[in-house]
Structure formats: structure tokens, C-alpha cells
Amino acid sequence: MQVSNLKQLTEQYKSDSESVYNTWFIDNQTRMKAFRSIRRGVIDVISAIKEGNFGNDFKGSPLEFILNCITEQKQVFAGAAHPFYWKPKLRIPDIYENEANKQIFGEFLEACLSTTTADKLIKEIIRLDGYKIKGLGPAVSNILYFLHPTIIPPFNTAIVQGFNAIFSEKKKLGSWEHYLAMREMIMETNKELQPILSKDLGAISGLLFDVGIGKIALDENWETALNFSTEKLNKIIKKRHLDVQNEIKEENEHLRVQFLLTEMGRELGYDVFIAANDRNKSFDGKNLKFITLDKLPPLELPQEVLKTVSLIDVIWINRDTQQIECAFEVEKSTSIYSGILRLIDLARSLGNRKYNFFLVAPDSREKEIMAQLHRPSFKDVDCVTIRYILFSDLFQHFEGLCKFGDDYQILFKVAKGIPC
């Protein structure tokens, strides 16, 4: 990137004693304290949503505390709270009175809090955008910046105006797609400006802000030449967006199958345990943790086996004996081989009798399943019979299986096995 003009602009920005760089970014204890306070605040918001006491208004909610910490930064974040005020007539942002949206927002914050990589954060942003929650747009990035300052830049009117002025773009407020495109260019530019600016994106965002409010004026001959074309950048962004959307689609299908198996198990009289890493997920406004067991019954298994068992997608447990009756591995894009191994390990650890366990997978993976089940190492396993159920059969016959079944053996009607 040829950024001689931009480097000159950056040096001007840094040398101005009244710039955002010097009045907010450098040696500002209030800024540093905000990172700790906002992280704690995000944890409180997540807990409040999970426990059902988040409230139905911005005022008095734990979210208000977070935005107060952000707006105390003044300058760049002076209006950061406005997009989160509850506007009853417009019904935006729709995260206060809509419980499903509230859960989605909580899950989004929890996922962003726990991750450390840009790809995962972008994936969560695209997932959130896919829900089209009214009024919940890129203003959320002002919260995310304080969780991941080297990955997520803040976002407001002045920053967008500054960005458009410097890069001759026409990005708009309110669009996550435009925000992500801006982020890509900001990241590339900040990389080229090293070591003039910090890796903390607050520094370059302050530059955009100062340009956006007119504090730093660009003369009529301003020009910045970039060695990557806008067309190429847009292709990169679209490909990433498509890859993430496909991954989210797969995950949603996986979650849908987990919910169907949970509801079916309960209809057939079983308690249901869901993989520990999926228990807090929601589908169609329902949260798995409210309809499944918090933990497995005592199984007297070695710790390493218990750890493996706790990650099996769905387990049905006999309510009378508190023993595992049936188990399912839902395979969307993961290894069929490892799923079979987990089920066999579980059956061998339980002992006592022969079990019937199931793989549940997309129709497109049937040949792969059959090939794996034909492996010599899976033949003549005396502790378990493994059958498979295709997604299409589960979706089509779900209601009938629930209505006419007495126990897990009703699944034999749709399950397929490998002939001897």
C-alpha cells in the first residue's frame, strides 16, 4: 500500500496536542479502566439475560452500566448510548420486550466475550446480522471494541464520515455489511501504518473521527493510493461472508436436530442430556438448558471417559433407573469416524448389555457413513449396534415417531444399518 499521504496525515494527527490521539488514546487512565469495567459489565448482562432479570428497558438494565462506561470516554464515544435507548414507538432496538431477541443478544455477547480470533468474531457478527433484529446494528461494535481492541474498531457517524473522506468511499451507518467492509480496510491500513500507530484500533479510529468532525481537514488535492483494489477487497469480503453463512447454516441444522431429538426423547418418557458445549444454545426462542438435564446421573466412569461422554450430542436417560438408554451423534461436517468411536467408547464403558446408538446426518453424507461402518475395526463390536438416521427422514417422520412410539425402538422404523 502506498500510504505516503496517509502517513503524513497520521503524523499531523499525532503531533496535534488536542487530537483524539493525545487527549484520549495516550496515557489515559480512564480509558484503561473502561476495558476492565466494560468486560465485567458484559458478564453481568449475559448473566441477567440467562437469569431472566435483564428488564424491558435500557434504563436500569445492566446494559446501561456498560454504555455509561463507554460514553464516559467522551469524544469518540459521546453518543454511543443513543442506539441502545428503548424507543417504544419505533420498537427499537428490539432486545427489551422480545425475549427471543434478548436471548440471541445474550448468546452473541457470550460468544464474543469467550473468543479471541477475528474469524470467530466476524462469524458471530454475521450470525447476529442474519437474525435482522430491528435497531440492533453496528453500534454494538463500540462494546466489542472494549473486548477486542486489536480486532474490532468502534463505529459512529463521525468515524464513517472520516473513513469515506479518506478512502473516497460511500459506506453507510446501520449496515453490518458496510461495517465489516470498513473493518477490512481499516485493518489493512493500520498494518501498513505500523509502527506509527498502535495495533489498538482506537488510535486509527481516532484519526478517522478527527477527520470526520472536520478537526483535520483534507485539502482538495488529497489522494491516497492503495495497492489492493476495492474490487479485490469486496471479493474477499463476499467469500468470507458466504463461508460464514454456510457454516452458520450447518450449525443451525445441527441445533435443529438436537432440539428434535430432545423433544422426541421427552415425548417417549426419557430425560435428555445435551452436549455440555451446546446446553446454552437456543432454537426458535427455546433454550436447551430449560428442557434438558444440567448434568449426567452418576455413572461411575473414569474422568477421561466422562469428559468424552459429556460431549456426545444427545443422550436419552431412563427416568426410573437413571441409566443411559440411547445416544446420538449428529454429524454435519465433523468426522463420521470420530463420532462412531465416541459411541463405541460410551457403550464399552457402560457395559452390562448391548446398546443401540445412532448417527444422525445429512442425506449427502450417507455414502460416507456406510463406508465408515463397513470398516473392519467396526465389525463384530459386541457392545453396541450403530445405525444411522438421515436428516430428511427425521424431519419427515418426527411427529409420527413421537405419537406412536413407546421407547427408543420406534427409531428402528427410520434408522438404517449395515447388513451383515
Protein backbone atom coordinates (compact mmCIF):
# COMPACT_ATOMS: atom_id res chain seq x y z
CA MET A 1 0.00 0.00 0.00
CA GLN A 2 1.40 3.42 -0.98
CA VAL A 3 0.37 5.48 2.00
CA SER A 4 2.75 8.44 1.98
CA ASN A 5 -0.15 10.90 2.16
CA LEU A 6 -1.81 8.89 4.89
CA LYS A 7 1.44 8.65 6.86
CA GLN A 8 1.82 12.40 6.66
CA LEU A 9 -1.78 12.81 7.83
CA THR A 10 -1.13 10.40 10.70
CA GLU A 11 1.95 12.29 11.84
CA GLN A 12 -0.09 15.50 11.80
CA TYR A 13 -2.77 13.75 13.87
CA LYS A 14 -0.23 12.53 16.44
CA SER A 15 1.52 15.86 16.78
CA ASP A 16 -1.66 17.81 17.49
CA SER A 17 -1.92 18.14 21.28
CA GLU A 18 -5.71 18.44 21.01
CA SER A 19 -6.26 15.40 18.77
CA VAL A 20 -8.13 12.33 19.95
CA TYR A 21 -4.78 10.54 19.94
CA ASN A 22 -3.35 12.83 22.64
CA THR A 23 -6.47 13.69 24.64
CA TRP A 24 -7.97 10.18 24.79
CA PHE A 25 -5.79 7.40 23.44
CA ILE A 26 -2.39 8.07 25.03
CA ASP A 27 -1.83 7.78 28.79
CA ASN A 28 -5.48 7.97 29.67
CA GLN A 29 -6.21 6.01 32.85
CA THR A 30 -9.96 6.45 32.38
CA ARG A 31 -9.67 4.66 29.03
CA MET A 32 -7.70 1.77 30.52
CA LYS A 33 -10.11 1.36 33.44
CA ALA A 34 -13.01 1.25 30.99
CA PHE A 35 -11.74 -2.00 29.47
CA ARG A 36 -11.98 -3.79 32.84
CA SER A 37 -15.33 -2.24 33.77
CA ILE A 38 -16.95 -2.98 30.42
CA ARG A 39 -15.77 -6.59 30.42
CA ARG A 40 -17.33 -7.06 33.87
CA GLY A 41 -20.47 -5.31 32.64
CA VAL A 42 -20.80 -7.63 29.65
CA ILE A 43 -20.58 -10.62 32.00
CA ASP A 44 -23.37 -9.07 34.10
CA VAL A 45 -25.56 -8.54 31.00
CA ILE A 46 -25.10 -12.17 29.96
CA SER A 47 -25.97 -13.40 33.47
CA ALA A 48 -29.02 -11.13 33.70
CA ILE A 49 -30.39 -12.42 30.38
CA LYS A 50 -29.82 -16.03 31.40
CA GLU A 51 -31.48 -15.50 34.77
CA GLY A 52 -34.43 -13.59 33.32
CA ASN A 53 -33.90 -10.29 35.15
CA PHE A 54 -32.42 -8.16 32.38
CA GLY A 55 -35.51 -5.93 32.27
CA ASN A 56 -37.58 -4.49 29.44
CA ASP A 57 -35.96 -1.07 29.13
CA PHE A 58 -32.47 0.33 28.69
CA LYS A 59 -32.80 2.41 31.84
CA GLY A 60 -31.99 0.31 34.86
CA SER A 61 -30.63 -2.59 32.82
CA PRO A 62 -27.03 -3.82 33.20
CA LEU A 63 -26.54 -2.70 29.60
CA GLU A 64 -26.93 0.90 30.76
CA PHE A 65 -23.87 0.48 33.01
CA ILE A 66 -21.77 -0.66 30.03
CA LEU A 67 -22.82 2.25 27.84
CA ASN A 68 -22.24 4.71 30.70
CA CYS A 69 -18.66 3.42 30.94
CA ILE A 70 -18.27 3.84 27.18
CA THR A 71 -19.78 7.32 26.94
CA GLU A 72 -17.58 8.49 29.81
CA GLN A 73 -14.78 8.29 27.26
CA LYS A 74 -16.32 11.41 25.64
CA GLN A 75 -15.04 12.40 22.19
CA VAL A 76 -15.19 9.24 20.07
CA PHE A 77 -17.95 7.64 22.17
CA ALA A 78 -20.06 10.67 23.14
CA GLY A 79 -23.25 9.32 21.50
CA ALA A 80 -22.58 5.60 21.90
CA ALA A 81 -25.59 5.02 24.18
CA HIS A 82 -28.22 6.56 21.88
CA PRO A 83 -28.74 3.47 19.65
CA PHE A 84 -29.48 1.39 22.76
CA TYR A 85 -32.16 3.66 24.26
CA TRP A 86 -35.52 1.89 24.14
CA LYS A 87 -37.79 3.75 21.70
CA PRO A 88 -41.30 2.32 22.31
CA LYS A 89 -42.97 3.92 19.29
CA LEU A 90 -40.35 2.52 16.92
CA ARG A 91 -39.89 -0.65 18.97
CA ILE A 92 -36.11 -0.42 18.63
CA PRO A 93 -33.72 -1.84 19.49
CA ASP A 94 -35.88 -4.94 19.76
CA ILE A 95 -33.96 -6.61 22.61
CA TYR A 96 -36.01 -5.48 25.57
CA GLU A 97 -39.57 -6.74 25.12
CA ASN A 98 -38.80 -9.55 22.67
CA GLU A 99 -37.50 -12.46 24.77
CA ALA A 100 -36.16 -14.44 21.80
CA ASN A 101 -34.14 -11.45 20.58
CA LYS A 102 -32.92 -10.83 24.11
CA GLN A 103 -31.59 -14.39 24.28
CA ILE A 104 -29.92 -14.02 20.87
CA PHE A 105 -28.21 -10.82 22.04
CA GLY A 106 -27.01 -12.52 25.23
CA GLU A 107 -25.65 -15.50 23.31
CA PHE A 108 -23.90 -13.15 20.89
CA LEU A 109 -22.18 -11.26 23.72
CA GLU A 110 -21.18 -14.51 25.43
CA ALA A 111 -19.68 -15.90 22.22
CA CYS A 112 -17.77 -12.65 21.55
CA LEU A 113 -16.53 -12.50 25.14
CA SER A 114 -15.12 -16.02 25.05
CA THR A 115 -13.41 -15.94 21.66
CA THR A 116 -10.02 -14.49 20.80
CA THR A 117 -9.87 -14.73 16.99
CA ALA A 118 -11.06 -12.35 14.29
CA ASP A 119 -12.67 -15.12 12.23
CA LYS A 120 -14.88 -16.22 15.12
CA LEU A 121 -15.89 -12.65 15.95
CA ILE A 122 -16.81 -11.94 12.33
CA LYS A 123 -18.78 -15.17 12.26
CA GLU A 124 -20.77 -14.08 15.32
CA ILE A 125 -21.41 -10.66 13.78
CA ILE A 126 -22.70 -12.24 10.57
CA ARG A 127 -24.83 -14.64 12.62
CA LEU A 128 -26.33 -11.72 14.58
CA ASP A 129 -26.96 -9.78 11.36
CA GLY A 130 -28.79 -12.80 9.98
CA TYR A 131 -31.44 -12.53 12.70
CA LYS A 132 -32.31 -9.00 11.48
CA ILE A 133 -33.14 -7.74 14.94
CA LYS A 134 -34.70 -4.33 14.43
CA GLY A 135 -32.43 -1.50 15.54
CA LEU A 136 -29.50 -3.71 16.57
CA GLY A 137 -26.76 -2.65 14.20
CA PRO A 138 -23.05 -1.81 14.14
CA ALA A 139 -23.32 0.40 17.22
CA VAL A 140 -22.73 -2.88 19.07
CA SER A 141 -19.14 -2.73 17.81
CA ASN A 142 -18.49 0.03 20.36
CA ILE A 143 -18.98 -2.64 23.04
CA LEU A 144 -16.94 -5.22 21.14
CA TYR A 145 -14.04 -2.78 20.77
CA PHE A 146 -13.54 -2.80 24.54
CA LEU A 147 -13.46 -6.62 24.50
CA HIS A 148 -11.14 -6.93 21.48
CA PRO A 149 -9.39 -3.60 20.78
CA THR A 150 -6.92 -5.01 18.26
CA ILE A 151 -9.62 -6.76 16.20
CA ILE A 152 -12.79 -4.65 16.31
CA PRO A 153 -12.80 -0.90 15.58
CA PRO A 154 -15.52 1.37 17.04
CA PHE A 155 -18.20 2.80 14.77
CA ASN A 156 -20.21 6.03 14.65
CA THR A 157 -21.26 8.81 12.28
CA ALA A 158 -18.00 10.77 12.53
CA ILE A 159 -15.83 7.66 12.01
CA VAL A 160 -17.84 6.71 8.91
CA GLN A 161 -17.57 10.25 7.55
CA GLY A 162 -13.84 10.29 8.15
CA PHE A 163 -13.42 6.89 6.53
CA ASN A 164 -15.40 7.95 3.45
CA ALA A 165 -13.41 11.16 3.15
CA ILE A 166 -10.01 9.46 3.37
CA PHE A 167 -10.78 6.46 1.18
CA SER A 168 -13.31 8.07 -1.20
CA GLU A 169 -15.93 5.51 -0.16
CA LYS A 170 -19.68 5.73 0.48
CA LYS A 171 -20.13 3.47 3.49
CA LYS A 172 -23.35 3.91 5.45
CA LEU A 173 -24.42 3.77 9.07
CA GLY A 174 -26.69 0.96 10.23
CA SER A 175 -25.23 -1.72 7.98
CA TRP A 176 -23.19 -4.58 9.40
CA GLU A 177 -22.08 -5.38 5.83
CA HIS A 178 -20.66 -1.88 5.40
CA TYR A 179 -19.09 -2.04 8.85
CA LEU A 180 -17.26 -5.30 8.04
CA ALA A 181 -16.03 -3.85 4.73
CA MET A 182 -14.75 -0.78 6.60
CA ARG A 183 -13.07 -3.01 9.16
CA GLU A 184 -11.14 -4.89 6.47
CA MET A 185 -9.75 -1.66 5.04
CA ILE A 186 -9.02 -0.21 8.48
CA MET A 187 -7.09 -3.36 9.44
CA GLU A 188 -5.08 -3.33 6.20
CA THR A 189 -4.31 0.37 6.56
CA ASN A 190 -3.33 0.07 10.22
CA LYS A 191 -0.96 -2.75 9.32
CA GLU A 192 0.74 -0.55 6.73
CA LEU A 193 0.99 2.34 9.20
CA GLN A 194 2.95 0.28 11.74
CA PRO A 195 4.84 1.32 13.80
CA ILE A 196 3.46 4.86 13.54
CA LEU A 197 0.15 3.87 15.12
CA SER A 198 -0.77 1.33 17.78
CA LYS A 199 -2.21 -2.09 17.00
CA ASP A 200 -5.05 -0.99 19.27
CA LEU A 201 -7.63 0.21 16.72
CA GLY A 202 -8.65 3.08 18.98
CA ALA A 203 -5.71 5.07 17.59
CA ILE A 204 -6.64 4.85 13.90
CA SER A 205 -10.33 5.20 14.74
CA GLY A 206 -9.47 8.48 16.47
CA LEU A 207 -7.83 9.65 13.23
CA LEU A 208 -10.98 8.81 11.27
CA PHE A 209 -13.05 10.57 13.92
CA ASP A 210 -10.98 13.77 13.78
CA VAL A 211 -11.25 13.84 10.00
CA GLY A 212 -14.98 13.10 10.22
CA ILE A 213 -15.73 16.04 12.52
CA GLY A 214 -13.54 18.37 10.44
CA LYS A 215 -10.79 18.80 13.02
CA ILE A 216 -8.32 17.54 10.46
CA ALA A 217 -9.11 18.94 7.03
CA LEU A 218 -8.19 17.18 3.80
CA ASP A 219 -7.16 19.58 1.05
CA GLU A 220 -8.68 19.41 -2.40
CA ASN A 221 -5.68 17.50 -3.71
CA TRP A 222 -5.97 14.76 -1.12
CA GLU A 223 -5.30 11.35 -2.58
CA THR A 224 -4.39 8.04 -1.04
CA ALA A 225 -3.28 5.23 -3.33
CA LEU A 226 -3.98 1.67 -2.22
CA ASN A 227 -2.25 -1.31 -3.77
CA PHE A 228 -5.30 -3.53 -3.22
CA SER A 229 -8.31 -2.74 -5.38
CA THR A 230 -11.78 -2.21 -3.96
CA GLU A 231 -12.99 -4.98 -6.28
CA LYS A 232 -10.49 -7.46 -4.87
CA LEU A 233 -11.33 -6.46 -1.31
CA ASN A 234 -15.03 -6.87 -1.98
CA LYS A 235 -14.43 -10.36 -3.37
CA ILE A 236 -12.53 -11.31 -0.20
CA ILE A 237 -15.34 -9.95 1.98
CA LYS A 238 -18.08 -11.70 -0.04
CA LYS A 239 -16.23 -15.04 0.06
CA ARG A 240 -15.73 -14.78 3.82
CA HIS A 241 -19.37 -13.80 4.24
CA LEU A 242 -20.53 -16.79 2.16
CA ASP A 243 -18.25 -19.22 4.03
CA VAL A 244 -19.54 -17.98 7.38
CA GLN A 245 -23.16 -18.14 6.25
CA ASN A 246 -22.69 -21.75 5.12
CA GLU A 247 -21.09 -22.62 8.45
CA ILE A 248 -23.93 -20.93 10.36
CA LYS A 249 -26.48 -22.82 8.24
CA GLU A 250 -24.79 -26.10 9.14
CA GLU A 251 -24.72 -25.20 12.83
CA ASN A 252 -28.39 -24.20 12.80
CA GLU A 253 -29.30 -27.51 11.17
CA HIS A 254 -27.23 -29.35 13.80
CA LEU A 255 -29.04 -27.43 16.54
CA ARG A 256 -32.43 -28.12 14.98
CA VAL A 257 -31.71 -31.86 15.03
CA GLN A 258 -30.61 -31.65 18.69
CA PHE A 259 -33.90 -29.96 19.57
CA LEU A 260 -35.96 -32.54 17.67
CA LEU A 261 -34.14 -35.40 19.40
CA THR A 262 -34.61 -33.64 22.75
CA GLU A 263 -38.35 -33.17 22.22
CA MET A 264 -38.73 -36.74 20.96
CA GLY A 265 -36.84 -38.17 23.93
CA ARG A 266 -39.06 -36.27 26.35
CA GLU A 267 -42.20 -37.39 24.49
CA LEU A 268 -41.03 -41.01 24.78
CA GLY A 269 -40.53 -40.63 28.53
CA TYR A 270 -36.79 -40.07 28.81
CA ASP A 271 -34.72 -37.40 30.49
CA VAL A 272 -32.36 -35.80 27.97
CA PHE A 273 -28.76 -34.69 28.32
CA ILE A 274 -27.23 -32.40 25.69
CA ALA A 275 -23.52 -31.94 24.97
CA ALA A 276 -22.09 -29.57 27.57
CA ASN A 277 -20.88 -27.09 24.94
CA ASP A 278 -24.39 -26.81 23.39
CA ARG A 279 -26.57 -26.58 26.50
CA ASN A 280 -26.91 -22.78 26.49
CA LYS A 281 -27.97 -22.56 22.84
CA SER A 282 -31.46 -21.54 21.74
CA PHE A 283 -33.65 -22.56 18.81
CA ASP A 284 -36.96 -20.94 17.86
CA GLY A 285 -36.88 -18.95 21.09
CA LYS A 286 -36.40 -22.05 23.27
CA ASN A 287 -33.28 -22.61 25.31
CA LEU A 288 -31.92 -26.16 25.62
CA LYS A 289 -30.90 -25.73 29.23
CA PHE A 290 -34.54 -25.35 30.31
CA ILE A 291 -35.61 -28.69 28.83
CA THR A 292 -32.55 -30.85 29.47
CA LEU A 293 -30.55 -32.15 32.43
CA ASP A 294 -27.85 -29.96 33.93
CA LYS A 295 -25.60 -32.96 34.39
CA LEU A 296 -25.44 -36.67 33.79
CA PRO A 297 -26.55 -39.04 36.56
CA PRO A 298 -23.69 -40.75 38.49
CA LEU A 299 -22.17 -43.28 36.10
CA GLU A 300 -19.02 -44.33 37.98
CA LEU A 301 -16.89 -43.83 34.89
CA PRO A 302 -13.24 -42.72 34.72
CA GLN A 303 -12.84 -38.94 34.47
CA GLU A 304 -11.49 -39.03 30.92
CA VAL A 305 -14.46 -41.15 29.80
CA LEU A 306 -16.92 -38.79 31.50
CA LYS A 307 -15.35 -35.89 29.65
CA THR A 308 -15.88 -37.66 26.32
CA VAL A 309 -19.44 -38.68 27.23
CA SER A 310 -20.34 -35.11 28.18
CA LEU A 311 -19.62 -34.03 24.59
CA ILE A 312 -21.91 -36.58 22.91
CA ASP A 313 -24.62 -34.56 21.17
CA VAL A 314 -27.76 -36.14 22.69
CA ILE A 315 -28.23 -38.82 25.35
CA TRP A 316 -31.56 -40.31 26.46
CA ILE A 317 -31.69 -41.44 30.08
CA ASN A 318 -34.21 -43.81 31.67
CA ARG A 319 -36.13 -41.81 34.28
CA ASP A 320 -36.66 -44.83 36.54
CA THR A 321 -33.21 -46.41 36.51
CA GLN A 322 -31.21 -43.24 35.75
CA GLN A 323 -29.19 -45.28 33.27
CA ILE A 324 -28.23 -44.27 29.73
CA GLU A 325 -30.68 -45.82 27.30
CA CYS A 326 -29.75 -44.31 23.95
CA ALA A 327 -27.20 -41.90 22.45
CA PHE A 328 -26.90 -39.86 19.27
CA GLU A 329 -24.06 -38.19 17.42
CA VAL A 330 -25.24 -35.51 14.98
CA GLU A 331 -22.74 -35.28 12.13
CA LYS A 332 -22.96 -32.17 9.94
CA SER A 333 -19.37 -31.68 8.77
CA THR A 334 -17.36 -33.34 11.52
CA SER A 335 -15.63 -36.69 11.23
CA ILE A 336 -18.01 -39.65 10.97
CA TYR A 337 -15.18 -41.86 12.17
CA SER A 338 -14.69 -39.95 15.43
CA GLY A 339 -18.45 -39.89 16.06
CA ILE A 340 -18.62 -43.68 15.78
CA LEU A 341 -15.64 -44.02 18.11
CA ARG A 342 -17.32 -41.86 20.76
CA LEU A 343 -20.45 -44.00 20.67
CA ILE A 344 -18.44 -47.24 20.89
CA ASP A 345 -16.34 -45.85 23.76
CA LEU A 346 -19.53 -44.96 25.63
CA ALA A 347 -21.07 -48.41 25.12
CA ARG A 348 -17.89 -50.19 26.20
CA SER A 349 -17.63 -48.02 29.31
CA LEU A 350 -21.23 -48.71 30.33
CA GLY A 351 -21.04 -52.48 29.85
CA ASN A 352 -23.90 -54.64 31.23
CA ARG A 353 -25.77 -55.09 27.92
CA LYS A 354 -25.74 -54.41 24.21
CA TYR A 355 -26.81 -50.87 23.27
CA ASN A 356 -28.45 -49.32 20.24
CA PHE A 357 -26.88 -45.97 19.36
CA PHE A 358 -27.40 -43.72 16.34
CA LEU A 359 -25.60 -41.40 13.96
CA VAL A 360 -27.84 -38.63 12.60
CA ALA A 361 -26.53 -36.97 9.45
CA PRO A 362 -27.41 -35.02 6.29
CA ASP A 363 -28.56 -37.13 3.35
CA SER A 364 -25.46 -36.06 1.43
CA ARG A 365 -23.24 -37.98 3.87
CA GLU A 366 -24.97 -41.38 3.60
CA LYS A 367 -22.27 -42.95 1.43
CA GLU A 368 -19.57 -41.72 3.81
CA ILE A 369 -21.43 -43.21 6.78
CA MET A 370 -21.82 -46.57 5.06
CA ALA A 371 -18.13 -46.60 4.13
CA GLN A 372 -17.11 -45.94 7.73
CA LEU A 373 -19.50 -48.53 9.20
CA HIS A 374 -18.05 -51.11 6.78
CA ARG A 375 -14.55 -50.63 8.24
CA PRO A 376 -13.19 -53.90 9.67
CA SER A 377 -12.48 -52.19 13.00
CA PHE A 378 -16.22 -51.51 13.48
CA LYS A 379 -17.40 -55.02 12.64
CA ASP A 380 -18.28 -57.51 15.34
CA VAL A 381 -18.42 -54.87 18.09
CA ASP A 382 -20.40 -56.80 20.69
CA CYS A 383 -21.34 -53.91 22.98
CA VAL A 384 -23.33 -51.75 20.56
CA THR A 385 -25.23 -51.71 17.27
CA ILE A 386 -24.84 -48.44 15.45
CA ARG A 387 -27.50 -47.36 12.97
CA TYR A 388 -27.88 -44.07 11.14
CA ILE A 389 -30.82 -41.72 10.58
CA LEU A 390 -30.88 -39.23 7.72
CA PHE A 391 -31.98 -35.67 8.41
CA SER A 392 -34.76 -35.90 5.81
CA ASP A 393 -36.27 -39.00 7.48
CA LEU A 394 -36.12 -37.41 10.93
CA PHE A 395 -37.75 -34.19 9.71
CA GLN A 396 -40.46 -36.03 7.75
CA HIS A 397 -41.41 -38.60 10.40
CA PHE A 398 -40.73 -36.69 13.62
CA GLU A 399 -44.37 -36.22 14.65
CA GLY A 400 -45.28 -39.82 13.86
CA LEU A 401 -42.34 -41.19 15.84
CA CYS A 402 -43.36 -39.10 18.85
CA LYS A 403 -47.02 -40.07 18.57
CA PHE A 404 -46.74 -43.80 18.04
CA GLY A 405 -43.52 -44.66 19.87
CA ASP A 406 -43.23 -46.26 23.32
CA ASP A 407 -39.44 -46.16 23.61
CA TYR A 408 -36.29 -45.65 21.55
CA GLN A 409 -37.01 -48.74 19.44
CA ILE A 410 -39.51 -46.72 17.39
CA LEU A 411 -36.41 -45.23 15.74
CA PHE A 412 -35.77 -48.58 14.06
CA LYS A 413 -38.62 -47.59 11.69
CA VAL A 414 -36.47 -44.88 10.10
CA ALA A 415 -32.94 -45.91 11.07
CA LYS A 416 -30.68 -47.77 8.65
CA GLY A 417 -27.93 -50.24 9.42
CA ILE A 418 -25.23 -52.15 7.62
CA PRO A 419 -26.31 -55.62 6.50
CA CYS A 420 -24.21 -58.44 7.89
